[in-house]
């Protein structure tokens, strides 16, 4: 899932590179020497720019998936706690369940916001 901001950044990056490539075609395909420590590598400038863009996109994608997985893991953990508390024979179980249920509800809301970022903006516009 790509957020709107990530998509806008990706489109902006591609648009800037294409703009520069159109007006500086010869420069973009001019081979350059880049030192990578022990040796020098010679390749076109466009390859370096494409590699940097790829690294940025993959990093953003990994960070977005990591935060989503983290919230899913938290929800599963809290739901397990709720299940264990419901199956217990303790008389104080209903009072112990209320904070866990509230925390699960908050985690579900946060997970929904991560999965559907546009719903948050719709809710904000309704409130105003």
N, C-alpha and C. Protein backbone atom coordinates (compact mmCIF):
# COMPACT_ATOMS: atom_id res chain seq x y z
N UNK A 1 0.84 -1.18 0.00
CA UNK A 1 0.00 0.00 0.00
C UNK A 1 0.89 1.25 0.00
N UNK A 2 0.63 2.13 -0.91
CA UNK A 2 1.41 3.36 -1.01
C UNK A 2 0.54 4.51 -0.52
N UNK A 3 1.08 5.27 0.42
CA UNK A 3 0.35 6.44 0.91
C UNK A 3 0.41 7.53 -0.15
N UNK A 4 -0.53 8.47 -0.04
CA UNK A 4 -0.58 9.57 -1.02
C UNK A 4 0.71 10.38 -1.00
N UNK A 5 1.25 10.62 0.20
CA UNK A 5 2.47 11.43 0.28
C UNK A 5 3.64 10.71 -0.38
N UNK A 6 3.73 9.38 -0.21
CA UNK A 6 4.80 8.63 -0.85
C UNK A 6 4.64 8.66 -2.36
N UNK A 7 3.39 8.55 -2.81
CA UNK A 7 3.14 8.58 -4.25
C UNK A 7 3.48 9.95 -4.83
N UNK A 8 3.14 11.01 -4.12
CA UNK A 8 3.45 12.37 -4.58
C UNK A 8 4.97 12.57 -4.64
N UNK A 9 5.68 12.09 -3.62
CA UNK A 9 7.15 12.21 -3.62
C UNK A 9 7.76 11.42 -4.78
N UNK A 10 7.25 10.23 -5.03
CA UNK A 10 7.77 9.42 -6.12
C UNK A 10 7.51 10.07 -7.48
N UNK A 11 6.31 10.58 -7.68
CA UNK A 11 5.98 11.25 -8.94
C UNK A 11 6.82 12.52 -9.10
N UNK A 12 7.01 13.26 -8.02
CA UNK A 12 7.85 14.47 -8.08
C UNK A 12 9.28 14.12 -8.45
N UNK A 13 9.81 13.08 -7.85
CA UNK A 13 11.18 12.66 -8.13
C UNK A 13 11.33 12.29 -9.60
N UNK A 14 10.40 11.49 -10.11
CA UNK A 14 10.45 11.06 -11.50
C UNK A 14 10.30 12.26 -12.44
N UNK A 15 9.40 13.19 -12.10
CA UNK A 15 9.17 14.37 -12.95
C UNK A 15 10.43 15.24 -13.02
N UNK A 16 11.08 15.45 -11.90
CA UNK A 16 12.31 16.27 -11.88
C UNK A 16 13.41 15.61 -12.70
N UNK A 17 13.56 14.30 -12.53
CA UNK A 17 14.60 13.59 -13.28
C UNK A 17 14.31 13.64 -14.78
N UNK A 18 13.05 13.43 -15.15
CA UNK A 18 12.70 13.49 -16.57
C UNK A 18 12.91 14.89 -17.14
N UNK A 19 12.55 15.90 -16.38
CA UNK A 19 12.74 17.28 -16.83
C UNK A 19 14.23 17.55 -17.08
N UNK A 20 15.05 17.18 -16.11
CA UNK A 20 16.49 17.39 -16.27
C UNK A 20 17.06 16.55 -17.42
N UNK A 21 16.55 15.34 -17.58
CA UNK A 21 17.06 14.48 -18.65
C UNK A 21 16.71 15.02 -20.02
N UNK A 22 15.53 15.60 -20.17
CA UNK A 22 15.12 16.14 -21.47
C UNK A 22 16.02 17.28 -21.90
N UNK A 23 16.33 18.18 -20.96
CA UNK A 23 17.11 19.37 -21.32
C UNK A 23 18.61 19.18 -21.21
N UNK A 24 19.04 18.07 -20.61
CA UNK A 24 20.47 17.81 -20.46
C UNK A 24 20.78 16.37 -20.88
N UNK A 25 20.27 15.97 -22.02
CA UNK A 25 20.37 14.58 -22.46
C UNK A 25 21.81 14.09 -22.52
N UNK A 26 22.70 14.87 -23.10
CA UNK A 26 24.09 14.45 -23.24
C UNK A 26 24.77 14.30 -21.89
N UNK A 27 24.46 15.21 -20.98
CA UNK A 27 25.07 15.16 -19.65
C UNK A 27 24.60 13.93 -18.87
N UNK A 28 23.36 13.56 -19.04
CA UNK A 28 22.82 12.43 -18.29
C UNK A 28 23.47 11.11 -18.66
N UNK A 29 23.86 10.97 -19.91
CA UNK A 29 24.45 9.71 -20.34
C UNK A 29 25.97 9.80 -20.47
N UNK A 30 26.54 10.87 -19.96
CA UNK A 30 27.98 11.01 -19.93
C UNK A 30 28.54 10.10 -18.84
N UNK A 31 29.48 9.22 -19.16
CA UNK A 31 30.04 8.34 -18.12
C UNK A 31 30.88 9.14 -17.13
N UNK A 32 30.71 8.82 -15.87
CA UNK A 32 31.48 9.49 -14.81
C UNK A 32 32.21 8.43 -14.00
N UNK A 33 33.32 8.85 -13.39
CA UNK A 33 34.10 7.95 -12.53
C UNK A 33 33.70 8.20 -11.09
N UNK A 34 33.32 7.14 -10.39
CA UNK A 34 32.95 7.24 -8.98
C UNK A 34 33.81 6.26 -8.20
N UNK A 35 34.43 6.76 -7.15
CA UNK A 35 35.27 5.93 -6.31
C UNK A 35 34.40 5.23 -5.26
N UNK A 36 34.53 3.92 -5.17
CA UNK A 36 33.78 3.17 -4.16
C UNK A 36 34.73 2.55 -3.14
N UNK A 37 35.81 3.22 -2.89
CA UNK A 37 36.76 2.75 -1.89
C UNK A 37 38.03 2.23 -2.53
N UNK A 38 38.04 0.94 -2.81
CA UNK A 38 39.25 0.32 -3.35
C UNK A 38 39.43 0.54 -4.84
N UNK A 39 38.36 0.84 -5.54
CA UNK A 39 38.45 0.98 -6.99
C UNK A 39 37.53 2.08 -7.49
N UNK A 40 37.71 2.46 -8.73
CA UNK A 40 36.82 3.43 -9.37
C UNK A 40 35.89 2.69 -10.32
N UNK A 41 34.65 3.17 -10.36
CA UNK A 41 33.66 2.59 -11.26
C UNK A 41 33.23 3.67 -12.23
N UNK A 42 33.06 3.29 -13.48
CA UNK A 42 32.67 4.25 -14.52
C UNK A 42 31.30 3.84 -15.06
N UNK A 43 30.33 4.71 -14.89
CA UNK A 43 29.01 4.46 -15.44
C UNK A 43 28.26 5.78 -15.60
N UNK A 44 27.14 5.77 -16.36
CA UNK A 44 26.41 7.01 -16.63
C UNK A 44 25.78 7.62 -15.38
N UNK A 45 25.65 8.92 -15.39
CA UNK A 45 25.06 9.65 -14.27
C UNK A 45 23.62 9.22 -14.01
N UNK A 46 22.89 8.90 -15.06
CA UNK A 46 21.50 8.49 -14.91
C UNK A 46 21.39 7.21 -14.08
N UNK A 47 22.38 6.32 -14.18
CA UNK A 47 22.36 5.09 -13.39
C UNK A 47 22.50 5.39 -11.90
N UNK A 48 23.37 6.35 -11.57
CA UNK A 48 23.53 6.74 -10.18
C UNK A 48 22.25 7.36 -9.63
N UNK A 49 21.63 8.23 -10.38
CA UNK A 49 20.39 8.88 -9.94
C UNK A 49 19.27 7.85 -9.78
N UNK A 50 19.16 6.92 -10.70
CA UNK A 50 18.15 5.88 -10.61
C UNK A 50 18.38 4.99 -9.39
N UNK A 51 19.64 4.68 -9.10
CA UNK A 51 19.96 3.85 -7.93
C UNK A 51 19.58 4.57 -6.64
N UNK A 52 19.89 5.86 -6.54
CA UNK A 52 19.53 6.62 -5.33
C UNK A 52 18.01 6.67 -5.17
N UNK A 53 17.30 6.89 -6.27
CA UNK A 53 15.84 6.90 -6.20
C UNK A 53 15.28 5.56 -5.76
N UNK A 54 15.85 4.48 -6.26
CA UNK A 54 15.40 3.14 -5.88
C UNK A 54 15.62 2.89 -4.39
N UNK A 55 16.76 3.30 -3.88
CA UNK A 55 17.05 3.14 -2.45
C UNK A 55 16.04 3.92 -1.61
N UNK A 56 15.71 5.13 -2.00
CA UNK A 56 14.74 5.94 -1.26
C UNK A 56 13.37 5.29 -1.27
N UNK A 57 12.91 4.83 -2.41
CA UNK A 57 11.58 4.21 -2.53
C UNK A 57 11.50 2.93 -1.70
N UNK A 58 12.51 2.09 -1.79
CA UNK A 58 12.51 0.83 -1.04
C UNK A 58 12.55 1.10 0.46
N UNK A 59 13.33 2.09 0.89
CA UNK A 59 13.40 2.43 2.31
C UNK A 59 12.05 2.92 2.82
N UNK A 60 11.37 3.76 2.08
CA UNK A 60 10.05 4.24 2.50
C UNK A 60 9.06 3.10 2.57
N UNK A 61 9.11 2.21 1.61
CA UNK A 61 8.20 1.07 1.59
C UNK A 61 8.43 0.17 2.80
N UNK A 62 9.70 -0.10 3.12
CA UNK A 62 10.02 -0.94 4.27
C UNK A 62 9.58 -0.30 5.59
N UNK A 63 9.78 1.01 5.71
CA UNK A 63 9.38 1.70 6.94
C UNK A 63 7.86 1.69 7.10
N UNK A 64 7.11 1.88 6.03
CA UNK A 64 5.65 1.85 6.09
C UNK A 64 5.16 0.46 6.48
N UNK A 65 5.74 -0.57 5.90
CA UNK A 65 5.33 -1.93 6.23
C UNK A 65 5.72 -2.30 7.66
N UNK A 66 6.86 -1.83 8.14
CA UNK A 66 7.28 -2.11 9.50
C UNK A 66 6.30 -1.54 10.51
N UNK A 67 5.87 -0.29 10.31
CA UNK A 67 4.93 0.32 11.27
C UNK A 67 3.58 -0.39 11.22
N UNK A 68 3.14 -0.81 10.05
CA UNK A 68 1.89 -1.54 9.92
C UNK A 68 1.98 -2.88 10.63
N UNK A 69 3.07 -3.60 10.44
CA UNK A 69 3.25 -4.89 11.10
C UNK A 69 3.34 -4.74 12.61
N UNK A 70 3.96 -3.65 13.07
CA UNK A 70 4.08 -3.41 14.50
C UNK A 70 2.69 -3.26 15.14
N UNK A 71 1.82 -2.47 14.51
CA UNK A 71 0.48 -2.28 15.06
C UNK A 71 -0.35 -3.55 14.96
N UNK A 72 -0.18 -4.32 13.91
CA UNK A 72 -0.89 -5.59 13.81
C UNK A 72 -0.45 -6.55 14.92
N UNK A 73 0.84 -6.57 15.21
CA UNK A 73 1.36 -7.42 16.28
C UNK A 73 0.81 -6.98 17.64
N UNK A 74 0.74 -5.66 17.87
CA UNK A 74 0.18 -5.15 19.12
C UNK A 74 -1.29 -5.54 19.27
N UNK A 75 -2.05 -5.46 18.19
CA UNK A 75 -3.46 -5.83 18.24
C UNK A 75 -3.61 -7.31 18.58
N UNK A 76 -2.82 -8.15 17.95
CA UNK A 76 -2.90 -9.59 18.21
C UNK A 76 -2.54 -9.90 19.65
N UNK A 77 -1.50 -9.22 20.17
CA UNK A 77 -1.10 -9.44 21.56
C UNK A 77 -2.21 -9.06 22.52
N UNK A 78 -2.82 -7.91 22.30
CA UNK A 78 -3.90 -7.46 23.19
C UNK A 78 -5.12 -8.37 23.08
N UNK A 79 -5.41 -8.85 21.88
CA UNK A 79 -6.55 -9.75 21.72
C UNK A 79 -6.29 -11.08 22.42
N UNK A 80 -5.03 -11.55 22.44
CA UNK A 80 -4.70 -12.75 23.20
C UNK A 80 -4.89 -12.52 24.69
N UNK A 81 -4.46 -11.36 25.18
CA UNK A 81 -4.65 -11.03 26.59
C UNK A 81 -6.13 -11.00 26.93
N UNK A 82 -6.93 -10.43 26.05
CA UNK A 82 -8.37 -10.37 26.27
C UNK A 82 -8.97 -11.77 26.30
N UNK A 83 -8.54 -12.63 25.41
CA UNK A 83 -9.04 -14.00 25.37
C UNK A 83 -8.66 -14.75 26.64
N UNK A 84 -7.43 -14.58 27.09
CA UNK A 84 -6.99 -15.23 28.33
C UNK A 84 -7.76 -14.70 29.53
N UNK A 85 -8.01 -13.38 29.55
CA UNK A 85 -8.75 -12.80 30.67
C UNK A 85 -10.20 -13.24 30.66
N UNK A 86 -10.79 -13.45 29.50
CA UNK A 86 -12.20 -13.86 29.41
C UNK A 86 -12.36 -15.31 29.83
N UNK A 87 -11.36 -16.12 29.53
CA UNK A 87 -11.48 -17.54 29.87
C UNK A 87 -11.08 -17.83 31.31
N UNK A 88 -10.54 -16.84 32.00
CA UNK A 88 -10.14 -17.08 33.39
C UNK A 88 -11.37 -17.19 34.28
N UNK A 89 -11.18 -17.80 35.43
CA UNK A 89 -12.30 -17.99 36.36
C UNK A 89 -12.31 -16.92 37.45
N UNK A 90 -11.49 -15.90 37.28
CA UNK A 90 -11.40 -14.82 38.26
C UNK A 90 -12.70 -14.01 38.30
N UNK A 91 -13.16 -13.67 39.49
CA UNK A 91 -14.40 -12.89 39.63
C UNK A 91 -14.20 -11.44 39.22
N UNK A 92 -12.98 -10.93 39.26
CA UNK A 92 -12.69 -9.55 38.89
C UNK A 92 -12.40 -9.40 37.40
N UNK A 93 -12.68 -10.43 36.63
CA UNK A 93 -12.36 -10.40 35.20
C UNK A 93 -13.05 -9.27 34.45
N UNK A 94 -14.36 -8.99 34.67
CA UNK A 94 -14.99 -7.90 33.91
C UNK A 94 -14.33 -6.54 34.12
N UNK A 95 -13.89 -6.24 35.33
CA UNK A 95 -13.24 -4.95 35.56
C UNK A 95 -11.84 -4.92 34.96
N UNK A 96 -11.20 -6.07 34.87
CA UNK A 96 -9.86 -6.14 34.27
C UNK A 96 -9.93 -6.08 32.75
N UNK A 97 -11.07 -6.44 32.19
CA UNK A 97 -11.21 -6.46 30.75
C UNK A 97 -11.41 -5.08 30.14
N UNK A 98 -12.00 -4.17 30.89
CA UNK A 98 -12.32 -2.86 30.34
C UNK A 98 -11.10 -2.12 29.79
N UNK A 99 -9.98 -1.99 30.54
CA UNK A 99 -8.81 -1.29 29.98
C UNK A 99 -8.22 -2.01 28.77
N UNK A 100 -8.26 -3.34 28.79
CA UNK A 100 -7.71 -4.09 27.66
C UNK A 100 -8.57 -3.85 26.43
N UNK A 101 -9.91 -3.87 26.60
CA UNK A 101 -10.80 -3.62 25.46
C UNK A 101 -10.60 -2.21 24.90
N UNK A 102 -10.41 -1.22 25.78
CA UNK A 102 -10.19 0.15 25.32
C UNK A 102 -8.88 0.25 24.54
N UNK A 103 -7.85 -0.42 25.04
CA UNK A 103 -6.56 -0.38 24.35
C UNK A 103 -6.63 -1.08 22.99
N UNK A 104 -7.37 -2.19 22.94
CA UNK A 104 -7.55 -2.89 21.66
C UNK A 104 -8.30 -2.00 20.68
N UNK A 105 -9.32 -1.30 21.17
CA UNK A 105 -10.09 -0.41 20.30
C UNK A 105 -9.20 0.71 19.75
N UNK A 106 -8.33 1.27 20.59
CA UNK A 106 -7.41 2.32 20.13
C UNK A 106 -6.44 1.77 19.08
N UNK A 107 -5.93 0.55 19.31
CA UNK A 107 -5.01 -0.05 18.35
C UNK A 107 -5.71 -0.34 17.02
N UNK A 108 -6.98 -0.79 17.09
CA UNK A 108 -7.73 -1.02 15.85
C UNK A 108 -7.94 0.29 15.10
N UNK A 109 -8.21 1.38 15.82
CA UNK A 109 -8.39 2.68 15.17
C UNK A 109 -7.09 3.12 14.50
N UNK A 110 -5.98 2.95 15.20
CA UNK A 110 -4.68 3.33 14.63
C UNK A 110 -4.36 2.48 13.41
N UNK A 111 -4.68 1.18 13.49
CA UNK A 111 -4.46 0.28 12.36
C UNK A 111 -5.32 0.69 11.18
N UNK A 112 -6.56 1.06 11.43
CA UNK A 112 -7.45 1.53 10.37
C UNK A 112 -6.90 2.81 9.73
N UNK A 113 -6.34 3.70 10.55
CA UNK A 113 -5.76 4.93 10.02
C UNK A 113 -4.55 4.63 9.14
N UNK A 114 -3.75 3.63 9.52
CA UNK A 114 -2.59 3.27 8.71
C UNK A 114 -3.01 2.61 7.40
N UNK A 115 -4.08 1.82 7.46
CA UNK A 115 -4.54 1.14 6.25
C UNK A 115 -5.31 2.08 5.33
N UNK A 116 -6.08 3.03 5.91
CA UNK A 116 -6.90 3.95 5.13
C UNK A 116 -6.64 5.38 5.58
N UNK A 117 -5.54 5.99 5.15
CA UNK A 117 -5.23 7.34 5.61
C UNK A 117 -6.25 8.38 5.13
N UNK A 118 -6.98 8.11 4.07
CA UNK A 118 -7.95 9.07 3.56
C UNK A 118 -9.17 9.18 4.46
N UNK A 119 -9.50 8.13 5.23
CA UNK A 119 -10.66 8.19 6.12
C UNK A 119 -10.43 9.18 7.26
N UNK A 120 -9.17 9.33 7.67
CA UNK A 120 -8.85 10.29 8.74
C UNK A 120 -9.12 11.72 8.28
N UNK A 121 -8.76 12.03 7.05
CA UNK A 121 -8.98 13.38 6.54
C UNK A 121 -10.46 13.64 6.35
N UNK A 122 -11.23 12.61 5.98
CA UNK A 122 -12.67 12.78 5.83
C UNK A 122 -13.32 13.06 7.18
N UNK A 123 -12.86 12.37 8.23
CA UNK A 123 -13.41 12.59 9.57
C UNK A 123 -13.08 13.99 10.06
N UNK A 124 -11.87 14.47 9.77
CA UNK A 124 -11.49 15.80 10.19
C UNK A 124 -12.34 16.86 9.49
N UNK A 125 -12.62 16.64 8.21
CA UNK A 125 -13.43 17.62 7.48
C UNK A 125 -14.86 17.62 7.96
N UNK A 126 -15.38 16.48 8.42
CA UNK A 126 -16.73 16.41 8.97
C UNK A 126 -16.83 17.17 10.29
N UNK A 127 -15.77 17.07 11.11
CA UNK A 127 -15.76 17.75 12.41
C UNK A 127 -15.74 19.26 12.25
N UNK A 128 -15.10 19.76 11.19
CA UNK A 128 -14.97 21.20 11.00
C UNK A 128 -16.18 21.67 10.28
